[in-house]
Protein backbone atom coordinates (compact mmCIF):
# COMPACT_ATOMS: atom_id res chain seq x y z
CA MET A 1 5.32 -27.59 14.10
CA THR A 2 1.90 -28.66 12.46
CA THR A 3 0.45 -27.61 9.13
CA GLN A 4 -3.21 -27.82 8.31
CA GLY A 5 -3.90 -27.88 4.83
CA ASN A 6 -1.35 -28.12 2.23
CA SER A 7 -1.76 -24.98 -0.05
CA LEU A 8 1.41 -23.60 -1.00
CA VAL A 9 2.06 -19.99 0.32
CA SER A 10 4.85 -17.86 -1.48
CA ILE A 11 6.26 -15.35 0.69
CA CYS A 12 7.72 -12.67 -1.57
CA ILE A 13 10.38 -10.52 -0.12
CA PRO A 14 11.76 -7.46 -2.18
CA ALA A 15 15.05 -7.02 -0.45
CA TYR A 16 17.38 -4.05 -0.25
CA LYS A 17 20.49 -3.94 1.78
CA ASN A 18 19.27 -4.19 5.32
CA THR A 19 19.97 -7.58 6.82
CA ARG A 20 19.15 -6.52 10.44
CA PHE A 21 15.60 -6.23 9.25
CA LEU A 22 15.48 -9.24 6.92
CA GLU A 23 16.82 -11.51 9.96
CA ARG A 24 13.78 -10.30 11.87
CA LEU A 25 11.49 -11.06 9.14
CA LEU A 26 12.96 -14.49 8.35
CA GLN A 27 13.00 -15.39 12.11
CA SER A 28 9.33 -14.73 12.23
CA LEU A 29 8.86 -17.16 9.06
CA LEU A 30 10.76 -19.79 11.12
CA GLN A 31 8.14 -19.50 13.94
CA GLN A 32 5.10 -20.10 11.99
CA THR A 33 2.73 -23.09 12.66
CA TYR A 34 1.94 -23.20 9.15
CA THR A 35 4.86 -24.67 7.20
CA CYS A 36 3.65 -25.21 3.67
CA PHE A 37 5.48 -22.20 2.19
CA GLU A 38 8.43 -21.02 0.07
CA VAL A 39 10.37 -17.80 0.05
CA ILE A 40 10.86 -15.72 -2.97
CA LEU A 41 13.69 -13.13 -2.27
CA SER A 42 14.38 -10.67 -5.18
CA ASP A 43 17.43 -8.54 -4.29
CA ASP A 44 17.74 -5.23 -5.21
CA SER A 45 20.88 -4.44 -3.16
CA PRO A 46 23.91 -2.96 -5.03
CA ASP A 47 26.18 -5.33 -3.25
CA ASP A 48 26.22 -9.01 -1.99
CA ARG A 49 25.48 -8.57 1.69
CA VAL A 50 21.83 -10.09 1.33
CA LYS A 51 23.04 -13.02 -0.87
CA ASP A 52 25.91 -13.68 1.50
CA TYR A 53 23.58 -13.61 4.58
CA ILE A 54 20.69 -15.75 3.61
CA VAL A 55 23.32 -18.67 2.93
CA THR A 56 22.80 -19.23 6.76
CA TYR A 57 19.17 -19.92 6.00
CA GLU A 58 19.47 -22.36 3.33
CA ASP A 59 18.99 -25.28 5.74
CA LYS A 60 16.09 -23.64 7.46
CA LEU A 61 13.84 -22.07 4.67
CA LYS A 62 13.03 -23.03 1.18
CA ILE A 63 14.33 -19.80 -0.50
CA LYS A 64 14.40 -19.07 -4.24
CA TYR A 65 17.09 -16.08 -4.54
CA PHE A 66 17.04 -13.78 -7.46
CA LYS A 67 19.78 -10.70 -7.70
CA ASN A 68 18.45 -7.92 -9.86
CA ASN A 69 21.12 -6.13 -11.70
CA PRO A 70 20.45 -3.40 -12.58
CA SER A 71 18.13 -2.99 -9.63
CA LEU A 72 14.35 -2.65 -10.38
CA GLY A 73 13.33 -0.25 -7.74
CA THR A 74 10.12 -0.08 -6.20
CA PRO A 75 7.28 -1.25 -7.05
CA ALA A 76 8.83 -3.36 -9.97
CA ASN A 77 10.74 -5.22 -7.47
CA TRP A 78 7.31 -6.34 -5.75
CA ASN A 79 5.92 -7.49 -9.05
CA PHE A 80 9.02 -9.36 -10.03
CA ALA A 81 9.02 -11.39 -6.63
CA MET A 82 5.56 -12.13 -7.29
CA LYS A 83 5.77 -13.08 -10.81
CA GLN A 84 8.41 -16.01 -9.55
CA ALA A 85 5.74 -17.22 -6.91
CA GLY A 86 4.53 -20.75 -7.47
CA GLY A 87 2.08 -20.99 -4.67
CA ALA A 88 -1.69 -20.86 -4.61
CA TYR A 89 -1.35 -17.94 -2.37
CA ILE A 90 1.02 -14.86 -2.43
CA LYS A 91 1.89 -12.74 0.36
CA LEU A 92 4.17 -10.01 -0.26
CA LEU A 93 6.43 -8.99 2.84
CA HIS A 94 8.49 -5.90 2.68
CA ASP A 95 11.91 -6.55 4.20
CA ASP A 96 11.51 -4.27 7.15
CA ASP A 97 7.96 -5.90 8.26
CA TRP A 98 7.41 -9.20 9.74
CA LEU A 99 4.78 -11.47 11.29
CA ALA A 100 3.37 -10.64 14.53
CA THR A 101 2.17 -13.87 15.75
CA PRO A 102 3.30 -17.65 14.99
CA ASP A 103 -0.16 -18.55 13.73
CA ALA A 104 -0.49 -15.59 11.27
CA LEU A 105 -0.02 -17.38 8.05
CA GLN A 106 -2.31 -20.06 9.40
CA GLN A 107 -4.97 -17.67 10.20
CA MET A 108 -4.78 -15.97 6.82
CA VAL A 109 -4.69 -19.37 4.73
CA THR A 110 -7.61 -20.84 6.80
CA ALA A 111 -9.64 -17.43 6.15
CA LEU A 112 -9.31 -17.98 2.33
CA GLU A 113 -9.54 -21.69 2.37
CA GLN A 114 -12.97 -21.22 4.27
CA ASN A 115 -14.14 -18.47 1.84
CA PRO A 116 -13.48 -19.67 -1.65
CA ALA A 117 -15.27 -16.52 -3.13
CA ALA A 118 -12.69 -14.11 -1.34
CA SER A 119 -9.87 -12.83 -3.55
CA PHE A 120 -7.72 -11.63 -0.59
CA VAL A 121 -7.54 -11.32 3.27
CA PHE A 122 -5.95 -8.67 5.32
CA SER A 123 -5.42 -8.13 8.65
CA ALA A 124 -4.97 -5.65 11.65
CA TYR A 125 -1.39 -4.63 12.08
CA ASN A 126 1.07 -3.04 14.50
CA ASN A 127 2.93 0.28 13.48
CA VAL A 128 6.33 -0.22 14.90
CA TYR A 129 8.41 3.01 15.02
CA GLU A 130 12.22 3.24 15.00
CA ASP A 131 11.99 4.61 18.90
CA GLY A 132 10.14 1.47 20.01
CA LYS A 133 6.62 3.13 19.83
CA ILE A 134 4.01 0.45 18.81
CA GLU A 135 0.61 1.89 17.35
CA GLU A 136 -2.09 -0.93 16.78
CA VAL A 137 -4.10 -0.41 13.71
CA VAL A 138 -7.57 -2.14 13.55
CA LEU A 139 -10.67 -1.28 11.60
CA THR A 140 -13.97 -0.76 13.36
CA ASN A 141 -17.07 -2.46 11.92
CA LYS A 142 -18.20 0.63 10.41
CA GLN A 143 -14.89 1.31 8.61
CA GLU A 144 -14.81 -2.19 7.20
CA ALA A 145 -18.47 -1.84 6.17
CA LEU A 146 -17.75 1.47 4.47
CA LEU A 147 -14.87 -0.32 2.42
CA ARG A 148 -17.04 -2.99 1.32
CA GLU A 149 -19.93 -0.82 0.25
CA GLU A 150 -17.63 1.96 -1.78
CA PRO A 151 -13.94 1.30 -2.60
CA LEU A 152 -13.65 4.99 -3.28
CA ARG A 153 -13.89 5.45 0.46
CA LEU A 154 -10.32 4.51 0.50
CA PHE A 155 -9.85 7.98 -0.41
CA ILE A 156 -10.95 9.03 2.97
CA LYS A 157 -8.38 6.78 4.75
CA ASN A 158 -6.34 3.82 3.49
CA TYR A 159 -8.23 1.48 5.43
CA ILE A 160 -6.31 -1.64 3.95
CA GLY A 161 -2.84 -0.41 4.86
CA HIS A 162 0.45 -1.54 3.86
CA PRO A 163 0.86 -4.26 1.32
CA SER A 164 2.62 -6.54 3.66
CA VAL A 165 -1.01 -6.92 5.36
CA ILE A 166 -2.33 -8.89 2.61
CA LEU A 167 -2.43 -12.56 1.46
CA HIS A 168 -4.09 -12.97 -1.78
CA ARG A 169 -4.68 -15.73 -4.32
CA ARG A 170 -2.60 -16.02 -7.16
CA THR A 171 -5.26 -15.78 -9.56
CA SER A 172 -6.62 -12.38 -7.90
CA GLY A 173 -5.11 -10.05 -10.34
CA LEU A 174 -3.51 -8.15 -7.63
CA TRP A 175 -0.30 -6.31 -8.93
CA TYR A 176 1.41 -2.87 -8.70
CA ASP A 177 1.55 0.10 -10.94
CA GLU A 178 5.21 0.41 -11.82
CA THR A 179 4.93 4.11 -13.07
CA ILE A 180 4.04 5.21 -9.44
CA LYS A 181 5.52 4.92 -5.96
CA TRP A 182 3.60 7.56 -3.47
CA VAL A 183 0.21 6.18 -4.19
CA VAL A 184 1.02 2.82 -5.52
CA ASP A 185 -0.78 0.33 -2.82
CA PHE A 186 -3.78 3.00 -2.85
CA GLU A 187 -4.18 2.56 -6.58
CA ALA A 188 -4.02 -1.26 -6.67
CA TYR A 189 -6.33 -1.55 -3.88
CA ILE A 190 -8.98 0.57 -5.34
CA ARG A 191 -8.49 -1.03 -8.82
CA ILE A 192 -9.01 -4.72 -7.45
CA LEU A 193 -11.99 -3.71 -5.38
CA ARG A 194 -13.74 -1.91 -8.45
CA GLU A 195 -13.31 -5.13 -10.31
CA GLY A 196 -15.73 -6.71 -8.07
CA LYS A 197 -12.90 -8.60 -5.89
CA SER A 198 -14.20 -9.33 -2.32
CA PHE A 199 -11.97 -9.66 0.84
CA ILE A 200 -11.86 -11.16 4.37
CA TYR A 201 -10.84 -8.98 7.18
CA LEU A 202 -9.08 -10.34 10.32
CA LYS A 203 -9.25 -8.09 13.31
CA GLU A 204 -6.29 -9.48 15.23
CA PRO A 205 -2.81 -7.77 14.26
CA LEU A 206 -0.99 -10.42 12.49
CA LEU A 207 1.71 -8.05 10.76
CA ASN A 208 4.28 -5.80 12.35
CA ILE A 209 5.01 -2.74 10.21
CA GLY A 210 8.45 -1.31 10.49
CA LEU A 211 8.42 2.30 10.15
CA GLY A 212 11.84 4.50 9.48
CA LYS A 213 13.26 7.21 7.56
CA GLU A 214 14.49 4.95 4.81
CA GLN A 215 10.80 4.09 3.72
CA VAL A 216 9.72 5.52 0.31
CA THR A 217 6.89 7.29 2.17
CA PHE A 218 8.94 9.37 4.32
CA GLN A 219 11.38 10.09 1.37
CA VAL A 220 8.79 11.52 -0.96
CA PHE A 221 6.25 12.85 1.89
CA ARG A 222 5.13 16.58 0.74
CA LYS A 223 7.17 16.71 -2.14
CA ARG A 224 5.53 18.14 -5.31
CA ALA A 225 7.90 16.70 -7.83
CA VAL A 226 6.36 13.28 -6.41
CA GLU A 227 3.07 13.86 -5.19
CA LEU A 228 1.65 16.08 -7.88
CA PRO A 229 2.27 13.83 -10.77
CA GLU A 230 1.25 10.76 -9.24
CA ASN A 231 -1.97 11.96 -7.74
CA ILE A 232 -3.12 13.61 -11.10
CA TYR A 233 -1.88 10.38 -12.83
CA LEU A 234 -4.20 8.49 -10.40
CA LEU A 235 -7.37 10.75 -11.27
CA ASN A 236 -7.01 10.47 -14.62
CA LYS A 237 -6.38 6.60 -14.73
CA LEU A 238 -9.66 6.10 -12.46
CA GLY A 239 -11.48 8.80 -14.34
CA ILE A 240 -12.23 12.37 -13.40
CA ASP A 241 -15.82 11.50 -13.03
CA ILE A 242 -14.77 10.22 -9.34
CA LEU A 243 -14.48 13.77 -8.52
CA LYS A 244 -18.18 13.76 -8.23
CA ASN A 245 -17.80 11.70 -5.04
CA ILE A 246 -17.31 13.96 -2.15
CA TRP A 247 -14.75 11.92 -0.43
CA VAL A 248 -12.53 11.91 -3.71
CA TYR A 249 -13.23 15.65 -4.17
CA ASP A 250 -12.33 16.60 -0.47
CA TYR A 251 -9.03 14.15 -0.75
CA TYR A 252 -7.96 16.40 -3.92
CA TRP A 253 -9.01 19.60 -2.19
CA ARG A 254 -6.79 18.69 0.86
CA PHE A 255 -4.08 17.43 -1.32
CA LEU A 256 -3.64 20.83 -3.27
CA ARG A 257 -4.19 22.94 0.07
CA ASN A 258 -1.30 20.82 1.88
CA LEU A 259 1.09 21.25 -0.87
CA ASN A 260 0.36 25.03 -0.61
CA ILE A 261 -0.55 25.24 -4.60
CA ARG A 262 -1.33 28.77 -5.29
CA SER A 263 -1.42 28.64 -9.10
CA VAL A 264 -1.82 26.30 -12.10
CA GLN A 265 1.58 27.06 -13.25
CA GLU A 266 3.10 25.54 -9.92
CA ILE A 267 1.32 22.14 -11.24
CA VAL A 268 2.33 22.79 -14.80
CA ASP A 269 6.15 22.79 -13.41
CA TYR A 270 5.65 19.00 -12.90
CA VAL A 271 2.55 17.88 -15.02
CA ALA A 272 1.64 18.69 -18.56
CA GLU A 273 -1.29 21.38 -18.42
CA GLU A 274 -3.45 19.18 -20.68
CA GLU A 275 -3.41 16.34 -17.90
CA ILE A 276 -4.74 18.67 -15.18
CA PRO A 277 -8.74 18.27 -14.89
CA VAL A 278 -10.36 21.53 -15.03
CA GLN A 279 -11.87 20.93 -11.35
CA LEU A 280 -8.37 20.77 -10.26
CA LYS A 281 -7.88 24.31 -11.72
CA ARG A 282 -11.02 25.52 -10.15
CA MET A 283 -10.06 24.31 -6.70
CA VAL A 284 -6.58 26.13 -7.23
CA ALA A 285 -8.48 29.45 -8.39
CA ILE A 286 -10.66 29.26 -5.23
CA GLN A 287 -7.86 28.35 -2.58
CA LYS A 288 -5.66 31.08 -3.81
CA LEU A 289 -8.13 33.53 -2.88
CA ILE A 290 -7.86 32.48 0.84
CA PRO A 291 -4.67 32.90 3.02
CA ASN A 292 -3.20 29.30 3.38
CA ARG A 293 -3.20 29.99 7.34
CA LEU A 294 -7.03 30.04 7.30
CA LEU A 295 -7.29 27.15 4.85
CA ARG A 296 -5.52 25.12 7.49
CA ILE A 297 -8.31 25.64 9.81
CA ARG A 298 -10.38 22.54 9.46
CA VAL A 299 -13.83 23.93 9.66
CA VAL A 300 -12.79 27.01 7.26
CA SER A 301 -11.42 24.36 4.64
CA LYS A 302 -14.59 21.92 5.02
CA VAL A 303 -16.96 24.88 4.27
CA LEU A 304 -15.00 25.97 1.27
CA MET A 305 -14.54 22.69 -0.13
CA GLY A 306 -18.50 21.97 0.31
CA ILE A 307 -19.31 25.28 -1.57
CA SER A 308 -16.92 24.69 -4.35
CA TYR A 309 -18.10 20.87 -4.61
CA VAL A 310 -21.73 21.88 -5.11
CA PRO A 311 -21.59 22.92 -8.94
CA ILE A 312 -20.19 19.27 -9.79
CA ARG A 313 -22.19 17.06 -7.39
CA PRO A 314 -24.36 14.37 -9.01
């Protein structure tokens, strides 16, 4: 294998129990043409199965192993792993994801070395489902341009994707808010882009993203106890003035509709009332007048959202 350049990459793996997935990831690292990397493995498992398993890789990969007791949980385990990194570049890789091509690391490192002003690079990726279905996710030129123009367009769609698709400079300031889980990557991307950090996008799918029922996303989807506090926290953290952006306003309109929130009290069950912006209360007041089955009709929802947005638009 050949290595072009000598910048050390820290591959940070927050591990949790599943050695079958971890083997897939480690094997993809062994296949890389870019070999100047270390592996930071931060283990949240309740037993020693991961610790015992990686012994078989001691003579194959440079692995720094950390056992968390008690476990840190996500995303604290992600941050802990990244804090142990010694490389100029950091790549967070969840243990159920893996590199899709032998030159994946090489392409990402080259992109950053050729673009010193960029803080991070991310690539297209493949969603790989448990049933074997593969879905390629590639940004169009228009989507990439929209993201560069306005980070709040991430409220339309998470154009960047999973944290595993990113390679970032150690100095980029990319970290994850440990008080949240559901919108944690979303919040980090918006924050770093609003700080003026620039990116490189590679259209070749360089990552495979393993999707299964054990993921946090599947465990908390459409659960009010998780989604309500986190999304309202996100709004207050970014500043309620972002609701003047129609894409953000539409996001929260759909968010309340999809959770079938019909009264402010249903939010207060999970969030202190003083933390609920008046704009969200107004959305609830409008939506409760319309049967939810009608709100689920796209054209009806969009028209009502537009009408309710008019009083606050800039």
